[in-house]
Amino acid sequence: MNTLDKKIKQSFPDESVIKIPRNYSVFAGKNLPSFIKDFLIKRYTDNYGNLDRNGVLKFLEDHIPSKDNDLKNRLRTHREEVTVLTRFIVETDLKNDKLLFSIPDLGIKSSEGRIPDHVAKRNKELKDGELWGVVTLVYQPPADREKGFVELVNYKAFKPYKVDLEYFKAARKEFSTTEWIDLLIRSMEYNPDGFESLSQKMMFLSRILIFIEPRLNMIELAPKGTGKSYIFGNLSKYGWMISGGKVTRAKLFYDMTKKSMGAITLYDFVTMDEIQTITFSDSAEIQAALKSYLEFGYTTVANVKLVSQAGLIIMGNISLTKDKKPIRLKYFSELPETFKESALLDRFHGFIEGWKLPRINEDLKINGWTLNVEYFSEIIHELRDKPIYSAIVSDLLEVPAKADTRDTTAVKRIATAYLKLLFPNVNDTSEIDKEDFKNYCLIPAIEKRQIIRRQIHLIDEEFSDEMPDIKLK
């Protein structure tokens, strides 16, 4: 156990977990997100890292059945009341005045699942979208003209940790900035010792900026194998990821037929992964809706005004030379046509040069103490709506009178995200070292916005490639 291990365990005795690769092999064959795995490892591991494998396996068998499990048979034939920890999707059916649910991993379709009104009223979280929780299911047989269905009779949100931000902020003071960066990387399930430099670590951390800052819009292009999909698909239940396939305005914003909200309104952030393989069924409509939303935080579909704080990140691959540099000067040339318009691209705040990150290798696998993923994801979710950080950033910066508004917004928003992530303990400008803020928050923010501006200029010379001189007061 090294110094960082000891500090993590001492500062976060209940919120930390020891991650040893051999322990996680117990989940082989189970498609579970990291926050569920960590919850179980923490529950069944002693202080010395010894895992009760039989305990985990029994929990998996009893409460996280697989799709080939005889769940439907237990419900229908044996009339069992079954309790499971699972991912499920809630959908409002206005036409028939019903609240439906589906459990894709267990083969229960929305046409087969129903949530009674008294359960929905008791649990305000049961609204359209994807949820994780402990649900109790029973089977209701056909009656009169109504078909049989599975009923969700009880629900408990999967929130094993009570988040105390003040406790988290106080613990931050026990770590140096470089130690804290390493803790954050461990909390993303990677080994900080596997990175070549501090700048590479900072680049890696930039992937979770949209987790922590509302309405932050980013683009990352990277070669295959750098772990970008894993980060967005496993670390938080508050995000929604699209990996290839077809995207419609209905899925993203509002479904006029079902009168149901789209992903942008339901999550903290939306990730469009493998952007080159995504097709847009109504490209012009999506582009128009995105322009409005990315600029103002709202858009209108069929006279319905949709307001949200969700961020958007689009991720794709990029062709590199043998020296691992982009083949093309124009980075966005490989994006779908929908995302090649300068006016739309200008609404993205920053660009992540994913080719500067290492490919996933054995050295990058976490092996030691770290924050439990579920705790970590709840913390950064809670930090999203704390306005003190953006106020501190505004107080620290001097912005030229003629500065482009989008550039200013982008720099401030990215810098605020870094401030929350790296210095969550600060309450006013006197508590942050100005050089630290400049090096860890301001400069990275300017660099990421600068890339967007240069790339837009290459597409459309109407846009200048010069950034305003935003600096510390």
Protein backbone atom coordinates (compact mmCIF):
# COMPACT_ATOMS: atom_id res chain seq x y z
CA MET A 1 0.00 0.00 0.00
CA ASN A 2 1.59 3.28 -1.11
CA THR A 3 1.09 6.80 0.28
CA LEU A 4 -1.85 7.59 -1.98
CA ASP A 5 -3.58 4.32 -1.07
CA LYS A 6 -3.26 5.19 2.62
CA LYS A 7 -4.57 8.72 2.13
CA ILE A 8 -7.58 7.55 0.14
CA LYS A 9 -8.45 4.88 2.68
CA GLN A 10 -7.97 7.28 5.60
CA SER A 11 -9.85 10.24 4.07
CA PHE A 12 -12.68 8.18 2.58
CA PRO A 13 -13.04 5.11 4.84
CA ASP A 14 -16.63 4.34 3.81
CA GLU A 15 -16.52 5.68 0.26
CA SER A 16 -13.39 3.95 -1.00
CA VAL A 17 -12.87 0.47 -2.36
CA ILE A 18 -9.80 -1.59 -3.17
CA LYS A 19 -9.73 -2.59 -6.82
CA ILE A 20 -7.77 -5.75 -7.55
CA PRO A 21 -8.19 -7.19 -11.07
CA ARG A 22 -8.57 -10.77 -9.83
CA ASN A 23 -11.54 -9.76 -7.65
CA TYR A 24 -13.43 -8.30 -10.60
CA SER A 25 -13.18 -11.56 -12.52
CA VAL A 26 -16.21 -12.65 -10.49
CA PHE A 27 -18.31 -10.58 -12.91
CA ALA A 28 -17.18 -12.50 -16.00
CA GLY A 29 -20.13 -12.87 -18.36
CA LYS A 30 -22.14 -10.15 -16.61
CA ASN A 31 -22.70 -6.88 -18.48
CA LEU A 32 -22.77 -4.63 -15.43
CA PRO A 33 -21.73 -0.98 -15.14
CA SER A 34 -18.87 -0.09 -12.83
CA PHE A 35 -21.07 1.51 -10.18
CA ILE A 36 -22.86 -1.82 -9.63
CA LYS A 37 -19.62 -3.82 -9.56
CA ASP A 38 -18.03 -1.45 -7.04
CA PHE A 39 -21.09 -1.61 -4.81
CA LEU A 40 -20.85 -5.40 -4.65
CA ILE A 41 -17.05 -5.50 -4.26
CA LYS A 42 -17.28 -3.04 -1.38
CA ARG A 43 -20.06 -5.03 0.24
CA TYR A 44 -18.25 -8.37 0.08
CA THR A 45 -14.58 -7.37 0.58
CA ASP A 46 -12.82 -7.09 3.94
CA ASN A 47 -10.26 -4.42 4.87
CA TYR A 48 -7.42 -6.55 3.53
CA GLY A 49 -8.85 -6.92 0.04
CA ASN A 50 -10.16 -10.45 0.51
CA LEU A 51 -13.34 -10.97 -1.50
CA ASP A 52 -16.17 -13.27 -0.48
CA ARG A 53 -16.69 -14.58 -4.02
CA ASN A 54 -19.51 -16.89 -2.99
CA GLY A 55 -21.34 -13.96 -1.44
CA VAL A 56 -21.08 -11.96 -4.66
CA LEU A 57 -22.15 -14.91 -6.80
CA LYS A 58 -25.18 -15.57 -4.59
CA PHE A 59 -26.21 -11.91 -4.77
CA LEU A 60 -25.86 -11.99 -8.57
CA GLU A 61 -27.93 -15.15 -8.79
CA ASP A 62 -30.64 -13.90 -6.44
CA HIS A 63 -30.92 -10.24 -7.45
CA ILE A 64 -29.29 -9.70 -10.87
CA PRO A 65 -30.63 -12.51 -13.06
CA SER A 66 -29.50 -12.85 -16.66
CA LYS A 67 -31.77 -12.73 -19.72
CA ASP A 68 -31.86 -16.52 -19.96
CA ASN A 69 -33.10 -16.74 -16.37
CA ASP A 70 -36.63 -18.12 -15.95
CA LEU A 71 -37.88 -14.81 -14.54
CA LYS A 72 -41.08 -14.73 -16.61
CA ASN A 73 -41.79 -18.32 -15.68
CA ARG A 74 -41.35 -17.54 -11.99
CA LEU A 75 -43.71 -14.59 -12.33
CA ARG A 76 -46.43 -16.17 -14.48
CA THR A 77 -46.38 -19.89 -13.67
CA HIS A 78 -45.34 -19.85 -10.03
CA ARG A 79 -46.84 -16.45 -9.21
CA GLU A 80 -43.68 -15.48 -7.34
CA GLU A 81 -42.99 -11.95 -6.15
CA VAL A 82 -39.51 -11.30 -7.55
CA THR A 83 -37.10 -8.57 -6.39
CA VAL A 84 -34.18 -7.64 -8.64
CA LEU A 85 -31.52 -4.94 -8.92
CA THR A 86 -31.71 -3.88 -12.53
CA ARG A 87 -31.68 -1.22 -15.21
CA PHE A 88 -35.14 -0.37 -16.48
CA ILE A 89 -36.74 2.18 -18.79
CA VAL A 90 -39.88 4.14 -17.93
CA GLU A 91 -42.20 5.36 -20.67
CA THR A 92 -45.41 7.39 -20.40
CA ASP A 93 -48.30 6.19 -22.56
CA LEU A 94 -50.62 9.21 -22.73
CA LYS A 95 -52.95 7.60 -25.25
CA ASN A 96 -53.88 4.82 -22.83
CA ASP A 97 -53.19 6.79 -19.62
CA LYS A 98 -50.57 4.32 -18.39
CA LEU A 99 -47.00 4.40 -17.09
CA LEU A 100 -45.05 1.59 -18.72
CA PHE A 101 -41.64 0.08 -18.06
CA SER A 102 -39.29 -2.32 -19.78
CA ILE A 103 -36.28 -4.32 -18.60
CA PRO A 104 -34.29 -4.99 -21.80
CA ASP A 105 -31.68 -7.10 -20.01
CA LEU A 106 -34.38 -9.49 -18.77
CA GLY A 107 -36.56 -9.59 -21.87
CA ILE A 108 -39.49 -7.62 -20.45
CA LYS A 109 -40.90 -5.25 -23.09
CA SER A 110 -42.72 -1.98 -22.42
CA SER A 111 -45.92 -3.60 -23.69
CA GLU A 112 -45.56 -6.14 -20.87
CA GLY A 113 -44.61 -3.88 -17.95
CA ARG A 114 -46.77 -1.46 -16.01
CA ILE A 115 -46.28 0.86 -13.03
CA PRO A 116 -49.44 1.58 -10.98
CA ASP A 117 -50.24 5.20 -10.17
CA HIS A 118 -49.79 4.83 -6.40
CA VAL A 119 -46.21 3.57 -6.90
CA ALA A 120 -45.42 6.40 -9.33
CA LYS A 121 -46.82 9.03 -6.94
CA ARG A 122 -44.78 7.60 -4.08
CA ASN A 123 -41.57 7.66 -6.15
CA LYS A 124 -41.06 10.92 -8.03
CA GLU A 125 -38.00 9.49 -9.82
CA LEU A 126 -40.26 7.18 -11.82
CA LYS A 127 -40.49 9.36 -14.90
CA ASP A 128 -39.53 8.84 -18.53
CA GLY A 129 -35.98 7.65 -18.98
CA GLU A 130 -33.51 5.01 -17.82
CA LEU A 131 -33.17 4.17 -14.13
CA TRP A 132 -31.25 1.77 -11.91
CA GLY A 133 -32.92 0.44 -8.82
CA VAL A 134 -34.26 -2.43 -6.75
CA VAL A 135 -37.70 -3.32 -8.12
CA THR A 136 -40.29 -5.82 -6.94
CA LEU A 137 -42.32 -7.45 -9.70
CA VAL A 138 -45.54 -9.46 -9.72
CA TYR A 139 -47.64 -10.90 -12.53
CA GLN A 140 -51.18 -9.70 -13.11
CA PRO A 141 -53.13 -12.27 -15.20
CA PRO A 142 -55.59 -11.31 -17.95
CA ALA A 143 -58.86 -9.82 -16.70
CA ASP A 144 -61.88 -9.02 -18.86
CA ARG A 145 -60.46 -7.66 -22.11
CA GLU A 146 -57.11 -6.67 -20.64
CA LYS A 147 -54.05 -8.78 -21.37
CA GLY A 148 -51.78 -10.04 -18.62
CA PHE A 149 -48.80 -7.88 -17.61
CA VAL A 150 -45.88 -7.58 -15.19
CA GLU A 151 -46.52 -5.00 -12.49
CA LEU A 152 -43.83 -3.04 -10.65
CA VAL A 153 -45.17 -2.92 -7.09
CA ASN A 154 -42.17 -1.49 -5.26
CA TYR A 155 -39.12 0.57 -6.16
CA LYS A 156 -36.01 1.71 -4.34
CA ALA A 157 -33.53 3.92 -6.16
CA PHE A 158 -29.97 2.60 -6.37
CA LYS A 159 -28.28 5.21 -4.19
CA PRO A 160 -26.15 3.37 -1.65
CA TYR A 161 -24.32 6.55 -0.63
CA LYS A 162 -25.61 9.66 1.07
CA VAL A 163 -23.57 12.41 -0.52
CA ASP A 164 -22.11 15.03 1.81
CA LEU A 165 -20.36 17.63 -0.32
CA GLU A 166 -18.86 19.43 2.66
CA TYR A 167 -17.21 16.18 3.78
CA PHE A 168 -15.86 15.69 0.25
CA LYS A 169 -14.54 19.26 0.11
CA ALA A 170 -12.83 18.91 3.48
CA ALA A 171 -11.16 15.68 2.36
CA ARG A 172 -9.76 17.43 -0.73
CA LYS A 173 -7.56 19.55 1.55
CA GLU A 174 -5.65 16.43 2.63
CA PHE A 175 -4.28 15.91 -0.89
CA SER A 176 -1.83 17.87 -3.00
CA THR A 177 -3.05 18.83 -6.47
CA THR A 178 -1.02 16.09 -8.16
CA GLU A 179 -2.25 13.52 -5.62
CA TRP A 180 -5.83 14.66 -6.23
CA ILE A 181 -5.40 14.30 -9.99
CA ASP A 182 -4.20 10.74 -9.41
CA LEU A 183 -7.19 10.06 -7.15
CA LEU A 184 -9.56 11.30 -9.86
CA ILE A 185 -7.92 9.10 -12.48
CA ARG A 186 -8.19 6.11 -10.14
CA SER A 187 -11.86 6.97 -9.64
CA MET A 188 -12.26 6.72 -13.41
CA GLU A 189 -10.87 3.17 -13.03
CA TYR A 190 -7.44 3.83 -14.50
CA ASN A 191 -3.94 3.69 -13.09
CA PRO A 192 -2.37 7.18 -13.04
CA ASP A 193 1.12 5.64 -13.12
CA GLY A 194 0.37 4.39 -16.64
CA PHE A 195 0.34 7.92 -18.06
CA GLU A 196 3.47 9.56 -19.41
CA SER A 197 3.01 13.08 -18.06
CA LEU A 198 0.85 15.49 -16.10
CA SER A 199 -0.43 17.01 -19.34
CA GLN A 200 -1.57 13.56 -20.50
CA LYS A 201 -3.38 13.04 -17.19
CA MET A 202 -5.09 16.42 -17.59
CA MET A 203 -6.14 15.48 -21.11
CA PHE A 204 -7.64 12.26 -19.77
CA LEU A 205 -9.55 14.09 -17.02
CA SER A 206 -11.07 16.41 -19.63
CA ARG A 207 -13.31 13.53 -20.67
CA ILE A 208 -15.43 13.92 -17.53
CA LEU A 209 -15.78 17.70 -17.65
CA ILE A 210 -19.30 17.31 -19.06
CA PHE A 211 -20.16 15.10 -16.08
CA ILE A 212 -19.64 18.02 -13.72
CA GLU A 213 -20.60 21.18 -15.64
CA PRO A 214 -24.10 21.89 -17.03
CA ARG A 215 -24.51 22.63 -20.74
CA LEU A 216 -20.90 21.97 -21.60
CA ASN A 217 -20.51 20.80 -25.20
CA MET A 218 -17.36 18.99 -26.32
CA ILE A 219 -15.90 17.07 -29.25
CA GLU A 220 -13.30 14.32 -28.98
CA LEU A 221 -11.63 12.59 -31.89
CA ALA A 222 -9.27 9.73 -31.09
CA PRO A 223 -7.95 6.49 -32.55
CA LYS A 224 -9.62 3.25 -31.53
CA GLY A 225 -8.61 1.66 -28.25
CA THR A 226 -8.17 4.77 -26.08
CA GLY A 227 -11.07 3.93 -23.78
CA LYS A 228 -13.43 6.77 -24.63
CA SER A 229 -16.52 4.56 -24.91
CA TYR A 230 -15.83 2.90 -21.55
CA ILE A 231 -15.73 6.19 -19.64
CA PHE A 232 -19.11 7.39 -20.87
CA GLY A 233 -20.85 4.03 -20.71
CA ASN A 234 -19.77 2.88 -17.24
CA LEU A 235 -19.04 5.68 -14.80
CA SER A 236 -22.40 7.37 -14.36
CA LYS A 237 -26.07 6.51 -14.51
CA TYR A 238 -26.81 10.16 -15.25
CA GLY A 239 -25.59 10.00 -18.84
CA TRP A 240 -27.04 8.54 -22.04
CA MET A 241 -24.81 7.14 -24.77
CA ILE A 242 -25.67 6.51 -28.41
CA SER A 243 -23.23 4.17 -30.15
CA GLY A 244 -23.85 4.21 -33.87
CA GLY A 245 -27.24 3.54 -35.46
CA LYS A 246 -29.99 6.01 -36.28
CA VAL A 247 -30.72 9.17 -34.31
CA THR A 248 -34.00 11.00 -34.71
CA ARG A 249 -35.20 14.33 -33.42
CA ALA A 250 -37.83 12.38 -31.49
CA LYS A 251 -35.20 10.30 -29.69
CA LEU A 252 -33.01 13.30 -28.95
CA PHE A 253 -35.53 16.04 -28.15
CA TYR A 254 -39.24 15.25 -28.30
CA ASP A 255 -41.44 12.50 -29.71
CA MET A 256 -44.54 14.17 -31.14
CA THR A 257 -46.37 10.86 -31.58
CA LYS A 258 -45.85 9.61 -28.03
CA LYS A 259 -45.71 13.13 -26.58
CA SER A 260 -42.63 12.07 -24.61
CA MET A 261 -39.38 13.86 -23.86
CA GLY A 262 -36.12 12.93 -25.56
CA ALA A 263 -32.73 12.14 -24.05
CA ILE A 264 -31.50 15.75 -23.94
CA THR A 265 -34.18 16.57 -21.37
CA LEU A 266 -33.69 13.47 -19.22
CA TYR A 267 -29.94 13.24 -18.49
CA ASP A 268 -26.96 15.25 -17.28
CA PHE A 269 -25.18 14.63 -20.55
CA VAL A 270 -25.64 12.86 -23.86
CA THR A 271 -22.77 11.09 -25.65
CA MET A 272 -22.81 10.41 -29.38
CA ASP A 273 -20.15 7.72 -29.71
CA GLU A 274 -18.82 6.36 -33.00
CA ILE A 275 -20.21 9.50 -34.63
CA GLN A 276 -19.09 8.39 -38.11
CA THR A 277 -21.49 5.43 -37.90
CA ILE A 278 -24.51 7.45 -36.73
CA THR A 279 -27.14 8.36 -39.29
CA PHE A 280 -29.64 11.17 -38.82
CA SER A 281 -33.09 10.50 -40.23
CA ASP A 282 -34.02 14.19 -40.31
CA SER A 283 -30.65 15.89 -40.49
CA ALA A 284 -31.86 19.44 -41.15
CA GLU A 285 -34.36 19.33 -38.28
CA ILE A 286 -31.81 17.90 -35.84
CA GLN A 287 -29.24 20.46 -36.90
CA ALA A 288 -31.69 23.32 -36.34
CA ALA A 289 -32.76 21.95 -32.95
CA LEU A 290 -29.13 21.48 -31.89
CA LYS A 291 -28.17 25.02 -32.89
CA SER A 292 -30.89 26.43 -30.70
CA TYR A 293 -30.27 24.08 -27.79
CA LEU A 294 -26.47 24.33 -27.72
CA GLU A 295 -26.71 28.12 -27.80
CA PHE A 296 -29.55 28.82 -25.39
CA GLY A 297 -30.26 25.62 -23.44
CA TYR A 298 -33.67 25.25 -25.01
CA THR A 299 -35.34 24.46 -28.31
CA THR A 300 -38.89 24.10 -29.59
CA VAL A 301 -40.44 21.07 -31.26
CA ALA A 302 -44.10 21.17 -32.35
CA ASN A 303 -44.79 24.19 -30.12
CA VAL A 304 -43.32 22.35 -27.12
CA LYS A 305 -40.47 24.27 -25.50
CA LEU A 306 -37.78 21.91 -24.23
CA VAL A 307 -35.43 23.25 -21.57
CA SER A 308 -32.47 21.31 -20.19
CA GLN A 309 -29.07 21.58 -18.54
CA ALA A 310 -27.65 18.54 -20.34
CA GLY A 311 -24.27 18.72 -22.04
CA LEU A 312 -23.41 17.05 -25.32
CA ILE A 313 -20.22 15.34 -26.42
CA ILE A 314 -19.64 13.82 -29.83
CA MET A 315 -16.86 11.27 -30.15
CA GLY A 316 -15.37 9.69 -33.20
CA ASN A 317 -12.26 8.17 -34.69
CA ILE A 318 -9.62 10.09 -36.59
CA SER A 319 -7.04 8.89 -39.10
CA LEU A 320 -3.42 9.35 -37.95
CA THR A 321 0.02 9.24 -39.50
CA LYS A 322 2.64 6.77 -38.29
CA ASP A 323 3.79 9.58 -35.97
CA LYS A 324 0.33 9.58 -34.37
CA LYS A 325 -0.71 12.96 -35.75
CA PRO A 326 -3.91 13.69 -37.71
CA ILE A 327 -3.50 12.96 -41.42
CA ARG A 328 -5.83 15.80 -42.36
CA LEU A 329 -5.42 19.43 -41.39
CA LYS A 330 -9.21 19.67 -41.11
CA TYR A 331 -10.11 17.48 -38.13
CA PHE A 332 -13.86 17.63 -38.78
CA SER A 333 -13.66 16.33 -42.34
CA GLU A 334 -14.54 12.80 -41.17
CA LEU A 335 -17.66 13.88 -39.28
CA PRO A 336 -21.19 13.34 -40.67
CA GLU A 337 -22.50 16.21 -42.80
CA THR A 338 -24.78 17.28 -39.93
CA PHE A 339 -21.71 18.29 -37.91
CA LYS A 340 -19.68 19.96 -40.63
CA GLU A 341 -21.47 23.31 -40.57
CA SER A 342 -19.38 26.09 -39.03
CA ALA A 343 -22.32 27.73 -37.23
CA LEU A 344 -23.14 24.49 -35.42
CA LEU A 345 -19.52 23.64 -34.60
CA ASP A 346 -19.02 27.12 -33.13
CA ARG A 347 -21.51 26.19 -30.42
CA PHE A 348 -19.19 23.48 -29.10
CA HIS A 349 -16.99 24.79 -26.32
CA GLY A 350 -13.89 22.65 -26.53
CA PHE A 351 -12.01 19.92 -28.38
CA ILE A 352 -10.18 16.95 -26.83
CA GLU A 353 -7.16 15.70 -28.77
CA GLY A 354 -7.74 12.04 -28.02
CA TRP A 355 -4.77 10.90 -30.09
CA LYS A 356 -2.50 12.29 -27.36
CA LEU A 357 -3.85 9.69 -24.92
CA PRO A 358 -2.35 6.20 -24.59
CA ARG A 359 -4.03 3.09 -25.93
CA ILE A 360 -5.50 0.94 -23.19
CA ASN A 361 -2.82 -1.43 -21.90
CA GLU A 362 -2.09 -3.47 -18.79
CA ASP A 363 -0.25 -0.57 -17.13
CA LEU A 364 -3.46 1.48 -17.18
CA LYS A 365 -5.53 -1.02 -15.20
CA ILE A 366 -6.32 0.19 -11.70
CA ASN A 367 -4.83 -1.83 -8.86
CA GLY A 368 -5.27 -0.18 -5.48
CA TRP A 369 -7.56 1.98 -3.37
CA THR A 370 -9.90 4.42 -5.07
CA LEU A 371 -13.27 6.09 -4.65
CA ASN A 372 -16.25 3.87 -5.27
CA VAL A 373 -17.57 4.72 -8.75
CA GLU A 374 -21.14 5.14 -7.48
CA TYR A 375 -19.99 7.59 -4.79
CA PHE A 376 -17.80 9.46 -7.25
CA SER A 377 -20.57 9.75 -9.84
CA GLU A 378 -23.00 11.05 -7.19
CA ILE A 379 -20.48 13.65 -6.06
CA ILE A 380 -19.87 15.05 -9.54
CA HIS A 381 -23.62 14.97 -10.19
CA GLU A 382 -24.19 17.07 -7.06
CA LEU A 383 -21.44 19.54 -8.01
CA ARG A 384 -23.12 20.31 -11.35
CA ASP A 385 -25.63 22.83 -10.05
CA LYS A 386 -23.43 24.68 -7.55
CA PRO A 387 -23.16 28.30 -8.85
CA ILE A 388 -20.31 29.39 -6.57
CA TYR A 389 -17.67 28.00 -8.94
CA SER A 390 -18.76 29.94 -12.02
CA ALA A 391 -18.92 33.08 -9.87
CA ILE A 392 -15.32 32.49 -8.74
CA VAL A 393 -14.19 32.03 -12.35
CA SER A 394 -15.91 35.27 -13.42
CA ASP A 395 -14.28 37.14 -10.52
CA LEU A 396 -10.83 35.84 -11.46
CA LEU A 397 -10.93 36.62 -15.17
CA GLU A 398 -10.44 39.78 -17.16
CA VAL A 399 -12.33 39.62 -20.46
CA PRO A 400 -11.72 42.18 -23.25
CA ALA A 401 -14.73 44.37 -24.06
CA LYS A 402 -14.79 43.17 -27.68
CA ALA A 403 -14.31 39.48 -26.88
CA ASP A 404 -16.47 37.06 -28.84
CA THR A 405 -19.31 35.94 -26.57
CA ARG A 406 -19.09 32.27 -27.58
CA ASP A 407 -15.36 32.21 -26.90
CA THR A 408 -15.89 33.82 -23.51
CA THR A 409 -18.68 31.42 -22.58
CA ALA A 410 -16.60 28.43 -23.69
CA VAL A 411 -13.50 29.41 -21.73
CA LYS A 412 -15.49 30.23 -18.59
CA ARG A 413 -17.52 27.05 -18.76
CA ILE A 414 -14.52 24.74 -19.26
CA ALA A 415 -12.49 26.57 -16.60
CA THR A 416 -15.42 26.21 -14.18
CA ALA A 417 -15.57 22.47 -14.85
CA TYR A 418 -11.85 22.11 -14.10
CA LEU A 419 -12.25 24.19 -10.93
CA LYS A 420 -15.04 21.94 -9.64
CA LEU A 421 -13.08 18.82 -10.49
CA LEU A 422 -9.66 19.83 -9.17
CA PHE A 423 -10.43 22.38 -6.44
CA PRO A 424 -13.93 21.59 -5.13
CA ASN A 425 -12.98 22.94 -1.70
CA VAL A 426 -12.69 26.60 -2.74
CA ASN A 427 -15.45 29.00 -1.67
CA ASP A 428 -14.09 32.30 -2.98
CA THR A 429 -11.18 33.70 -4.98
CA SER A 430 -8.94 34.01 -1.90
CA GLU A 431 -8.91 30.23 -1.47
CA ILE A 432 -7.41 29.38 -4.85
CA ASP A 433 -3.80 30.05 -5.79
CA LYS A 434 -3.93 32.15 -8.97
CA GLU A 435 -1.06 30.27 -10.59
CA ASP A 436 -2.83 26.99 -9.91
CA PHE A 437 -6.02 28.34 -11.44
CA LYS A 438 -4.11 29.62 -14.46
CA ASN A 439 -2.22 26.38 -15.08
CA TYR A 440 -4.90 23.83 -14.23
CA CYS A 441 -8.10 25.63 -15.28
CA LEU A 442 -7.61 28.67 -17.52
CA ILE A 443 -4.86 27.55 -19.91
CA PRO A 444 -6.48 24.14 -20.63
CA ALA A 445 -9.81 25.90 -21.23
CA ILE A 446 -8.29 28.37 -23.69
CA GLU A 447 -6.41 25.61 -25.51
CA LYS A 448 -9.52 23.51 -25.98
CA ARG A 449 -11.57 26.42 -27.31
CA GLN A 450 -8.66 27.54 -29.52
CA ILE A 451 -8.75 24.22 -31.40
CA ILE A 452 -12.46 24.65 -32.12
CA ARG A 453 -11.85 28.16 -33.41
CA ARG A 454 -8.95 27.15 -35.66
CA GLN A 455 -10.85 24.23 -37.12
CA ILE A 456 -13.93 26.35 -37.85
CA HIS A 457 -11.70 28.90 -39.58
CA LEU A 458 -10.40 26.16 -41.89
CA ILE A 459 -13.99 25.34 -42.83
CA ASP A 460 -15.29 28.90 -43.07
CA GLU A 461 -12.92 31.87 -43.28
CA GLU A 462 -15.71 34.15 -42.11
CA PHE A 463 -14.77 32.90 -38.64
CA SER A 464 -11.51 34.27 -37.26
CA ASP A 465 -8.95 31.85 -35.85
CA GLU A 466 -7.88 34.32 -33.15
CA MET A 467 -8.93 33.99 -29.54
CA PRO A 468 -9.67 36.97 -27.27
CA ASP A 469 -6.99 37.71 -24.67
CA ILE A 470 -8.83 36.33 -21.65
CA LYS A 471 -6.50 36.46 -18.66
CA LEU A 472 -6.29 36.67 -14.88
CA LYS A 473 -7.09 40.01 -13.28
